[in-house]
Amino acid sequence: MLGSGTSGDMEPPFPSNPPMKTLVIGYGNTLRGDDGVGYRLAEAVEDWHLAQVEAYPCHQITPDLAALIADQERVFFVDAALPQDPHSPLILTRLMPGSEPSLTFTGHHSTPMDLLILTQQLYGQSPLAYTLLLPTWAMGYGEDLSPIAQTGLIQGLRWLQKLILNPDG
């Protein structure tokens, strides 16, 4: 409830503490249907124009992203989940980089964990990191998202908005 209408009664739209410096990396192939849902989410986050939030839509994760990650307090890797049950929920997972270097950047076979390990090795930085997988249904040729991916995109944006505005990570 926003209050009785006077400005003193209204809750601020943002928490009293500024949001953490956050990078949202959304990746996937926008020419393969639902595979592009992560990319589209990052594009939508760019439109929020939040001072502490940077969005980076890309087709795949690559080693050069380590420099961007090193400058953040928190990073979200957003991708399409494999096509599955149409009632599958979003999947948010906290990533904890290990000490084993994998450094096998080979396009689609690179993982967010590979990138976090590289960031730690090159820059000595380990921001909080999460993967957010969005539900999908069809990854055939085309630029349209299925209704399942469209719903996942909207839900993912809502989740991220809450998570980003939470200063406790």
N, C-alpha and C. Protein backbone atom coordinates (compact mmCIF):
# COMPACT_ATOMS: atom_id res chain seq x y z
N MET A 1 0.84 -1.17 0.00
CA MET A 1 0.00 0.00 0.00
C MET A 1 0.88 1.23 0.00
N LEU A 2 0.53 2.20 -0.79
CA LEU A 2 1.38 3.37 -0.93
C LEU A 2 1.07 4.47 0.07
N GLY A 3 0.01 4.40 0.81
CA GLY A 3 -0.28 5.43 1.79
C GLY A 3 -1.48 6.24 1.38
N SER A 4 -1.67 7.35 2.09
CA SER A 4 -2.88 8.14 1.90
C SER A 4 -2.78 9.16 0.79
N GLY A 5 -1.64 9.27 0.17
CA GLY A 5 -1.54 10.19 -0.96
C GLY A 5 -0.57 11.32 -0.74
N THR A 6 -0.17 11.58 0.50
CA THR A 6 0.83 12.62 0.71
C THR A 6 2.20 12.04 0.46
N SER A 7 3.10 12.86 -0.01
CA SER A 7 4.40 12.33 -0.38
C SER A 7 5.16 11.76 0.80
N GLY A 8 4.90 12.21 2.01
CA GLY A 8 5.58 11.68 3.17
C GLY A 8 5.15 10.26 3.51
N ASP A 9 3.96 9.84 3.04
CA ASP A 9 3.46 8.50 3.35
C ASP A 9 3.88 7.46 2.33
N MET A 10 4.40 7.88 1.21
CA MET A 10 4.71 6.93 0.14
C MET A 10 6.06 6.27 0.39
N GLU A 11 6.12 4.97 0.13
CA GLU A 11 7.38 4.26 0.24
C GLU A 11 8.22 4.59 -0.98
N PRO A 12 9.54 4.72 -0.81
CA PRO A 12 10.39 5.00 -1.97
C PRO A 12 10.38 3.81 -2.92
N PRO A 13 10.55 4.05 -4.22
CA PRO A 13 10.56 2.94 -5.17
C PRO A 13 11.81 2.09 -5.06
N PHE A 14 12.86 2.58 -4.43
CA PHE A 14 14.10 1.86 -4.29
C PHE A 14 14.43 1.75 -2.81
N PRO A 15 15.21 0.74 -2.43
CA PRO A 15 15.61 0.63 -1.03
C PRO A 15 16.48 1.81 -0.64
N SER A 16 16.59 2.05 0.67
CA SER A 16 17.38 3.19 1.14
C SER A 16 18.86 3.02 0.82
N ASN A 17 19.35 1.79 0.74
CA ASN A 17 20.73 1.54 0.32
C ASN A 17 20.75 1.39 -1.19
N PRO A 18 21.79 1.92 -1.84
CA PRO A 18 21.84 1.78 -3.30
C PRO A 18 22.02 0.32 -3.69
N PRO A 19 21.51 -0.06 -4.87
CA PRO A 19 21.71 -1.44 -5.31
C PRO A 19 23.19 -1.74 -5.54
N MET A 20 23.52 -3.01 -5.44
CA MET A 20 24.89 -3.45 -5.70
C MET A 20 25.23 -3.20 -7.16
N LYS A 21 26.50 -2.97 -7.44
CA LYS A 21 26.95 -2.84 -8.82
C LYS A 21 26.80 -4.20 -9.48
N THR A 22 25.91 -4.27 -10.47
CA THR A 22 25.46 -5.55 -11.02
C THR A 22 25.60 -5.58 -12.52
N LEU A 23 26.04 -6.74 -13.02
CA LEU A 23 26.11 -7.00 -14.45
C LEU A 23 25.16 -8.14 -14.78
N VAL A 24 24.32 -7.93 -15.78
CA VAL A 24 23.42 -8.97 -16.27
C VAL A 24 23.91 -9.36 -17.67
N ILE A 25 24.41 -10.59 -17.79
CA ILE A 25 24.86 -11.10 -19.07
C ILE A 25 23.78 -12.06 -19.58
N GLY A 26 23.07 -11.64 -20.62
CA GLY A 26 22.05 -12.50 -21.21
C GLY A 26 22.57 -13.00 -22.54
N TYR A 27 22.55 -14.31 -22.73
CA TYR A 27 23.15 -14.84 -23.95
C TYR A 27 22.28 -15.90 -24.60
N GLY A 28 22.49 -16.04 -25.91
CA GLY A 28 21.76 -17.02 -26.70
C GLY A 28 21.64 -16.55 -28.13
N ASN A 29 21.19 -17.45 -28.99
CA ASN A 29 21.07 -17.18 -30.41
C ASN A 29 19.65 -16.67 -30.72
N THR A 30 19.54 -15.41 -31.06
CA THR A 30 18.23 -14.81 -31.33
C THR A 30 17.60 -15.30 -32.62
N LEU A 31 18.35 -16.05 -33.43
CA LEU A 31 17.80 -16.61 -34.67
C LEU A 31 17.32 -18.04 -34.48
N ARG A 32 17.38 -18.53 -33.24
CA ARG A 32 16.94 -19.91 -32.94
C ARG A 32 15.81 -19.90 -31.91
N GLY A 33 14.80 -19.11 -32.16
CA GLY A 33 13.61 -19.11 -31.31
C GLY A 33 13.92 -18.81 -29.86
N ASP A 34 13.49 -19.74 -28.99
CA ASP A 34 13.61 -19.53 -27.55
C ASP A 34 15.05 -19.46 -27.06
N ASP A 35 16.01 -19.93 -27.83
CA ASP A 35 17.41 -19.85 -27.42
C ASP A 35 17.83 -18.40 -27.18
N GLY A 36 17.16 -17.44 -27.78
CA GLY A 36 17.51 -16.03 -27.63
C GLY A 36 16.85 -15.35 -26.44
N VAL A 37 16.17 -16.08 -25.57
CA VAL A 37 15.44 -15.44 -24.47
C VAL A 37 16.39 -14.74 -23.48
N GLY A 38 17.55 -15.29 -23.22
CA GLY A 38 18.50 -14.63 -22.33
C GLY A 38 19.01 -13.32 -22.90
N TYR A 39 19.30 -13.34 -24.20
CA TYR A 39 19.73 -12.13 -24.91
C TYR A 39 18.65 -11.05 -24.80
N ARG A 40 17.41 -11.45 -25.03
CA ARG A 40 16.30 -10.48 -24.99
C ARG A 40 16.09 -9.93 -23.58
N LEU A 41 16.31 -10.77 -22.57
CA LEU A 41 16.19 -10.28 -21.20
C LEU A 41 17.23 -9.19 -20.94
N ALA A 42 18.47 -9.41 -21.36
CA ALA A 42 19.52 -8.40 -21.16
C ALA A 42 19.17 -7.10 -21.88
N GLU A 43 18.59 -7.21 -23.08
CA GLU A 43 18.16 -6.00 -23.79
C GLU A 43 17.12 -5.24 -22.98
N ALA A 44 16.18 -5.96 -22.38
CA ALA A 44 15.14 -5.31 -21.57
C ALA A 44 15.73 -4.65 -20.33
N VAL A 45 16.71 -5.29 -19.70
CA VAL A 45 17.35 -4.72 -18.52
C VAL A 45 18.09 -3.43 -18.89
N GLU A 46 18.67 -3.38 -20.09
CA GLU A 46 19.31 -2.14 -20.56
C GLU A 46 18.32 -0.98 -20.53
N ASP A 47 17.09 -1.25 -20.88
CA ASP A 47 16.06 -0.21 -20.94
C ASP A 47 15.65 0.32 -19.57
N TRP A 48 16.04 -0.35 -18.51
CA TRP A 48 15.72 0.13 -17.16
C TRP A 48 16.55 1.37 -16.81
N HIS A 49 17.72 1.51 -17.37
CA HIS A 49 18.60 2.65 -17.13
C HIS A 49 18.89 2.87 -15.64
N LEU A 50 19.20 1.78 -14.93
CA LEU A 50 19.57 1.88 -13.52
C LEU A 50 21.06 2.18 -13.42
N ALA A 51 21.40 3.13 -12.56
CA ALA A 51 22.78 3.60 -12.46
C ALA A 51 23.77 2.50 -12.10
N GLN A 52 23.42 1.59 -11.23
CA GLN A 52 24.36 0.57 -10.76
C GLN A 52 24.25 -0.74 -11.54
N VAL A 53 23.49 -0.74 -12.62
CA VAL A 53 23.23 -1.98 -13.36
C VAL A 53 23.69 -1.84 -14.80
N GLU A 54 24.49 -2.80 -15.24
CA GLU A 54 24.92 -2.86 -16.63
C GLU A 54 24.40 -4.17 -17.23
N ALA A 55 23.85 -4.09 -18.40
CA ALA A 55 23.37 -5.29 -19.09
C ALA A 55 24.23 -5.52 -20.32
N TYR A 56 24.48 -6.79 -20.60
CA TYR A 56 25.31 -7.14 -21.74
C TYR A 56 24.67 -8.29 -22.49
N PRO A 57 23.88 -7.98 -23.55
CA PRO A 57 23.34 -9.06 -24.39
C PRO A 57 24.42 -9.55 -25.35
N CYS A 58 24.57 -10.87 -25.44
CA CYS A 58 25.56 -11.44 -26.35
C CYS A 58 25.10 -12.81 -26.83
N HIS A 59 25.71 -13.28 -27.89
CA HIS A 59 25.32 -14.56 -28.45
C HIS A 59 25.94 -15.74 -27.70
N GLN A 60 27.11 -15.52 -27.11
CA GLN A 60 27.74 -16.55 -26.30
C GLN A 60 28.71 -15.88 -25.35
N ILE A 61 29.06 -16.58 -24.28
CA ILE A 61 30.01 -16.01 -23.34
C ILE A 61 31.43 -16.27 -23.84
N THR A 62 32.25 -15.25 -23.73
CA THR A 62 33.61 -15.30 -24.26
C THR A 62 34.59 -14.74 -23.21
N PRO A 63 35.87 -15.06 -23.32
CA PRO A 63 36.85 -14.65 -22.31
C PRO A 63 36.92 -13.14 -22.08
N ASP A 64 36.63 -12.33 -23.09
CA ASP A 64 36.73 -10.89 -22.91
C ASP A 64 35.76 -10.35 -21.87
N LEU A 65 34.73 -11.11 -21.52
CA LEU A 65 33.77 -10.67 -20.51
C LEU A 65 34.37 -10.64 -19.11
N ALA A 66 35.49 -11.30 -18.91
CA ALA A 66 36.13 -11.31 -17.59
C ALA A 66 36.45 -9.89 -17.11
N ALA A 67 36.85 -9.01 -18.02
CA ALA A 67 37.15 -7.63 -17.63
C ALA A 67 35.91 -6.91 -17.11
N LEU A 68 34.75 -7.15 -17.74
CA LEU A 68 33.50 -6.54 -17.27
C LEU A 68 33.10 -7.10 -15.91
N ILE A 69 33.25 -8.40 -15.75
CA ILE A 69 32.86 -9.06 -14.51
C ILE A 69 33.71 -8.59 -13.34
N ALA A 70 34.99 -8.37 -13.59
CA ALA A 70 35.92 -7.99 -12.52
C ALA A 70 35.54 -6.67 -11.86
N ASP A 71 34.79 -5.85 -12.55
CA ASP A 71 34.42 -4.53 -12.03
C ASP A 71 33.06 -4.54 -11.33
N GLN A 72 32.50 -5.71 -11.06
CA GLN A 72 31.15 -5.82 -10.51
C GLN A 72 31.15 -6.40 -9.10
N GLU A 73 30.07 -6.13 -8.37
CA GLU A 73 29.86 -6.78 -7.08
C GLU A 73 29.04 -8.06 -7.26
N ARG A 74 28.25 -8.08 -8.34
CA ARG A 74 27.36 -9.22 -8.57
C ARG A 74 27.13 -9.36 -10.07
N VAL A 75 27.00 -10.62 -10.52
CA VAL A 75 26.74 -10.88 -11.93
C VAL A 75 25.67 -11.96 -12.05
N PHE A 76 24.77 -11.76 -13.00
CA PHE A 76 23.75 -12.76 -13.34
C PHE A 76 24.00 -13.21 -14.77
N PHE A 77 24.13 -14.52 -14.96
CA PHE A 77 24.23 -15.12 -16.29
C PHE A 77 22.84 -15.65 -16.63
N VAL A 78 22.24 -15.13 -17.68
CA VAL A 78 20.87 -15.50 -18.03
C VAL A 78 20.89 -16.23 -19.36
N ASP A 79 20.30 -17.43 -19.37
CA ASP A 79 20.30 -18.27 -20.55
C ASP A 79 18.97 -19.01 -20.64
N ALA A 80 18.74 -19.61 -21.79
CA ALA A 80 17.58 -20.46 -22.00
C ALA A 80 17.88 -21.84 -21.43
N ALA A 81 16.91 -22.40 -20.73
CA ALA A 81 17.02 -23.80 -20.32
C ALA A 81 16.72 -24.65 -21.54
N LEU A 82 17.11 -25.90 -21.51
CA LEU A 82 16.77 -26.80 -22.61
C LEU A 82 15.25 -26.95 -22.67
N PRO A 83 14.69 -27.13 -23.87
CA PRO A 83 13.24 -27.30 -23.97
C PRO A 83 12.77 -28.44 -23.07
N GLN A 84 11.68 -28.17 -22.35
CA GLN A 84 11.21 -29.12 -21.34
C GLN A 84 9.73 -28.97 -21.08
N ASP A 85 9.31 -29.45 -19.96
CA ASP A 85 7.92 -29.35 -19.53
C ASP A 85 7.48 -27.89 -19.59
N PRO A 86 6.33 -27.59 -20.22
CA PRO A 86 5.90 -26.20 -20.33
C PRO A 86 5.58 -25.54 -19.00
N HIS A 87 5.51 -26.30 -17.94
CA HIS A 87 5.22 -25.72 -16.63
C HIS A 87 6.47 -25.60 -15.76
N SER A 88 7.65 -25.75 -16.36
CA SER A 88 8.90 -25.66 -15.61
C SER A 88 9.10 -24.24 -15.10
N PRO A 89 9.60 -24.13 -13.89
CA PRO A 89 9.85 -22.80 -13.33
C PRO A 89 11.19 -22.24 -13.79
N LEU A 90 11.41 -20.99 -13.45
CA LEU A 90 12.74 -20.40 -13.62
C LEU A 90 13.68 -21.12 -12.66
N ILE A 91 14.94 -21.18 -13.04
CA ILE A 91 15.93 -21.84 -12.18
C ILE A 91 17.03 -20.83 -11.86
N LEU A 92 17.13 -20.43 -10.60
CA LEU A 92 18.17 -19.51 -10.14
C LEU A 92 19.15 -20.31 -9.29
N THR A 93 20.44 -20.26 -9.66
CA THR A 93 21.46 -21.02 -8.96
C THR A 93 22.63 -20.10 -8.62
N ARG A 94 23.09 -20.16 -7.38
CA ARG A 94 24.28 -19.42 -6.97
C ARG A 94 25.51 -20.19 -7.44
N LEU A 95 26.44 -19.50 -8.05
CA LEU A 95 27.69 -20.11 -8.52
C LEU A 95 28.80 -19.85 -7.52
N MET A 96 29.54 -20.88 -7.23
CA MET A 96 30.68 -20.77 -6.31
C MET A 96 31.91 -21.25 -7.07
N PRO A 97 32.74 -20.32 -7.57
CA PRO A 97 33.90 -20.75 -8.35
C PRO A 97 34.85 -21.59 -7.51
N GLY A 98 35.31 -22.66 -8.13
CA GLY A 98 36.29 -23.53 -7.48
C GLY A 98 37.69 -23.06 -7.79
N SER A 99 38.64 -23.83 -7.38
CA SER A 99 40.04 -23.45 -7.61
C SER A 99 40.62 -24.11 -8.84
N GLU A 100 39.89 -25.03 -9.43
CA GLU A 100 40.41 -25.74 -10.60
C GLU A 100 40.20 -24.93 -11.87
N PRO A 101 41.27 -24.49 -12.52
CA PRO A 101 41.09 -23.77 -13.77
C PRO A 101 40.62 -24.72 -14.86
N SER A 102 39.63 -24.27 -15.61
CA SER A 102 39.15 -25.12 -16.70
C SER A 102 39.52 -24.49 -18.04
N LEU A 103 39.43 -23.20 -18.14
CA LEU A 103 39.88 -22.42 -19.29
C LEU A 103 39.76 -23.14 -20.63
N THR A 104 38.58 -23.61 -20.91
CA THR A 104 38.32 -24.30 -22.17
C THR A 104 37.30 -23.51 -22.98
N PHE A 105 37.58 -22.27 -23.22
CA PHE A 105 36.64 -21.43 -23.96
C PHE A 105 36.57 -21.89 -25.40
N THR A 106 35.47 -22.53 -25.73
CA THR A 106 35.27 -23.02 -27.09
C THR A 106 33.85 -22.69 -27.53
N GLY A 107 33.47 -21.44 -27.42
CA GLY A 107 32.14 -21.03 -27.87
C GLY A 107 31.05 -21.55 -26.97
N HIS A 108 30.15 -22.33 -27.54
CA HIS A 108 28.98 -22.79 -26.80
C HIS A 108 29.33 -23.73 -25.64
N HIS A 109 30.53 -24.25 -25.60
CA HIS A 109 30.89 -25.16 -24.53
C HIS A 109 31.48 -24.44 -23.33
N SER A 110 31.67 -23.15 -23.40
CA SER A 110 32.15 -22.38 -22.26
C SER A 110 31.01 -22.20 -21.28
N THR A 111 31.36 -22.12 -20.02
CA THR A 111 30.33 -21.98 -18.99
C THR A 111 30.55 -20.71 -18.18
N PRO A 112 29.52 -20.27 -17.49
CA PRO A 112 29.73 -19.15 -16.58
C PRO A 112 30.84 -19.43 -15.56
N MET A 113 30.94 -20.68 -15.11
CA MET A 113 31.99 -21.03 -14.15
C MET A 113 33.38 -20.82 -14.75
N ASP A 114 33.56 -21.19 -16.03
CA ASP A 114 34.83 -20.94 -16.71
C ASP A 114 35.18 -19.45 -16.66
N LEU A 115 34.18 -18.63 -16.92
CA LEU A 115 34.40 -17.19 -16.95
C LEU A 115 34.71 -16.64 -15.55
N LEU A 116 34.06 -17.17 -14.54
CA LEU A 116 34.34 -16.73 -13.16
C LEU A 116 35.75 -17.12 -12.74
N ILE A 117 36.18 -18.32 -13.10
CA ILE A 117 37.53 -18.77 -12.77
C ILE A 117 38.56 -17.89 -13.49
N LEU A 118 38.31 -17.58 -14.74
CA LEU A 118 39.20 -16.71 -15.50
C LEU A 118 39.27 -15.32 -14.86
N THR A 119 38.13 -14.79 -14.44
CA THR A 119 38.09 -13.47 -13.79
C THR A 119 38.92 -13.48 -12.52
N GLN A 120 38.80 -14.54 -11.73
CA GLN A 120 39.58 -14.66 -10.50
C GLN A 120 41.07 -14.73 -10.81
N GLN A 121 41.43 -15.52 -11.81
CA GLN A 121 42.84 -15.70 -12.14
C GLN A 121 43.47 -14.42 -12.71
N LEU A 122 42.74 -13.72 -13.57
CA LEU A 122 43.31 -12.54 -14.22
C LEU A 122 43.24 -11.28 -13.37
N TYR A 123 42.14 -11.13 -12.61
CA TYR A 123 41.89 -9.87 -11.92
C TYR A 123 41.81 -10.00 -10.40
N GLY A 124 41.83 -11.23 -9.89
CA GLY A 124 41.73 -11.42 -8.45
C GLY A 124 40.38 -11.03 -7.89
N GLN A 125 39.35 -11.04 -8.71
CA GLN A 125 38.01 -10.63 -8.29
C GLN A 125 37.04 -11.81 -8.40
N SER A 126 36.14 -11.90 -7.42
CA SER A 126 35.10 -12.94 -7.42
C SER A 126 33.78 -12.33 -6.97
N PRO A 127 33.05 -11.70 -7.89
CA PRO A 127 31.75 -11.15 -7.50
C PRO A 127 30.76 -12.26 -7.18
N LEU A 128 29.70 -11.91 -6.46
CA LEU A 128 28.60 -12.85 -6.30
C LEU A 128 28.12 -13.21 -7.70
N ALA A 129 27.82 -14.47 -7.93
CA ALA A 129 27.43 -14.88 -9.28
C ALA A 129 26.28 -15.88 -9.23
N TYR A 130 25.38 -15.72 -10.20
CA TYR A 130 24.19 -16.56 -10.30
C TYR A 130 23.94 -16.91 -11.76
N THR A 131 23.33 -18.06 -11.99
CA THR A 131 22.75 -18.35 -13.29
C THR A 131 21.24 -18.29 -13.14
N LEU A 132 20.59 -17.76 -14.13
CA LEU A 132 19.14 -17.73 -14.20
C LEU A 132 18.76 -18.37 -15.52
N LEU A 133 18.15 -19.55 -15.43
CA LEU A 133 17.72 -20.27 -16.63
C LEU A 133 16.22 -20.07 -16.81
N LEU A 134 15.85 -19.66 -18.02
CA LEU A 134 14.46 -19.38 -18.34
C LEU A 134 13.86 -20.54 -19.11
N PRO A 135 12.60 -20.90 -18.83
CA PRO A 135 11.98 -22.03 -19.52
C PRO A 135 11.80 -21.76 -21.00
N THR A 136 11.92 -22.82 -21.78
CA THR A 136 11.78 -22.71 -23.24
C THR A 136 10.96 -23.88 -23.77
N TRP A 137 10.59 -23.76 -25.02
CA TRP A 137 9.84 -24.83 -25.66
C TRP A 137 10.38 -25.17 -27.03
N ALA A 138 10.75 -24.17 -27.82
CA ALA A 138 11.12 -24.42 -29.21
C ALA A 138 12.39 -23.65 -29.56
N MET A 139 13.35 -24.35 -30.15
CA MET A 139 14.60 -23.71 -30.55
C MET A 139 14.89 -23.90 -32.02
N GLY A 140 13.83 -23.94 -32.81
CA GLY A 140 14.00 -24.04 -34.25
C GLY A 140 14.40 -22.70 -34.82
N TYR A 141 14.58 -22.66 -36.13
CA TYR A 141 14.96 -21.41 -36.78
C TYR A 141 13.80 -20.43 -36.72
N GLY A 142 14.11 -19.20 -36.38
CA GLY A 142 13.12 -18.14 -36.29
C GLY A 142 13.47 -17.19 -35.17
N GLU A 143 12.87 -16.02 -35.20
CA GLU A 143 13.19 -14.99 -34.21
C GLU A 143 12.13 -14.84 -33.13
N ASP A 144 11.01 -15.54 -33.26
CA ASP A 144 9.92 -15.40 -32.30
C ASP A 144 10.14 -16.31 -31.10
N LEU A 145 9.70 -15.83 -29.93
CA LEU A 145 9.72 -16.64 -28.73
C LEU A 145 8.38 -17.37 -28.60
N SER A 146 8.43 -18.59 -28.09
CA SER A 146 7.20 -19.33 -27.81
C SER A 146 6.48 -18.66 -26.64
N PRO A 147 5.20 -18.94 -26.46
CA PRO A 147 4.49 -18.38 -25.29
C PRO A 147 5.17 -18.76 -23.96
N ILE A 148 5.75 -19.94 -23.90
CA ILE A 148 6.43 -20.36 -22.67
C ILE A 148 7.65 -19.49 -22.41
N ALA A 149 8.45 -19.24 -23.45
CA ALA A 149 9.63 -18.39 -23.29
C ALA A 149 9.23 -16.94 -23.01
N GLN A 150 8.16 -16.46 -23.63
CA GLN A 150 7.69 -15.10 -23.36
C GLN A 150 7.29 -14.95 -21.89
N THR A 151 6.59 -15.95 -21.36
CA THR A 151 6.21 -15.92 -19.95
C THR A 151 7.45 -15.98 -19.07
N GLY A 152 8.41 -16.85 -19.42
CA GLY A 152 9.66 -16.94 -18.67
C GLY A 152 10.44 -15.63 -18.69
N LEU A 153 10.42 -14.96 -19.83
CA LEU A 153 11.09 -13.66 -19.95
C LEU A 153 10.49 -12.65 -18.98
N ILE A 154 9.18 -12.57 -18.95
CA ILE A 154 8.50 -11.64 -18.05
C ILE A 154 8.79 -11.99 -16.59
N GLN A 155 8.70 -13.27 -16.25
CA GLN A 155 8.97 -13.71 -14.89
C GLN A 155 10.43 -13.44 -14.52
N GLY A 156 11.34 -13.70 -15.45
CA GLY A 156 12.75 -13.45 -15.21
C GLY A 156 13.04 -11.98 -14.94
N LEU A 157 12.39 -11.11 -15.69
CA LEU A 157 12.57 -9.68 -15.46
C LEU A 157 12.05 -9.27 -14.09
N ARG A 158 10.94 -9.84 -13.68
CA ARG A 158 10.39 -9.53 -12.35
C ARG A 158 11.34 -10.01 -11.26
N TRP A 159 11.85 -11.23 -11.40
CA TRP A 159 12.79 -11.76 -10.41
C TRP A 159 14.03 -10.89 -10.34
N LEU A 160 14.59 -10.57 -11.49
CA LEU A 160 15.81 -9.76 -11.51
C LEU A 160 15.58 -8.39 -10.90
N GLN A 161 14.44 -7.80 -11.18
CA GLN A 161 14.17 -6.49 -10.60
C GLN A 161 14.18 -6.57 -9.09
N LYS A 162 13.57 -7.60 -8.52
CA LYS A 162 13.59 -7.76 -7.06
C LYS A 162 14.99 -8.04 -6.55
N LEU A 163 15.72 -8.91 -7.22
CA LEU A 163 17.07 -9.27 -6.79
C LEU A 163 18.03 -8.10 -6.91
N ILE A 164 17.93 -7.35 -7.97
CA ILE A 164 18.84 -6.22 -8.19
C ILE A 164 18.60 -5.12 -7.16
N LEU A 165 17.36 -4.90 -6.83
CA LEU A 165 17.06 -3.83 -5.87
C LEU A 165 17.26 -4.26 -4.44
N ASN A 166 17.62 -5.52 -4.21
CA ASN A 166 17.92 -6.02 -2.88
C ASN A 166 19.40 -5.79 -2.60
N PRO A 167 19.74 -4.84 -1.72
CA PRO A 167 21.16 -4.53 -1.49
C PRO A 167 21.92 -5.63 -0.78
N ASP A 168 21.24 -6.65 -0.27
CA ASP A 168 21.91 -7.72 0.45
C ASP A 168 22.32 -8.87 -0.44
N GLY A 169 22.09 -8.74 -1.76
CA GLY A 169 22.58 -9.71 -2.71
C GLY A 169 21.67 -10.88 -2.90
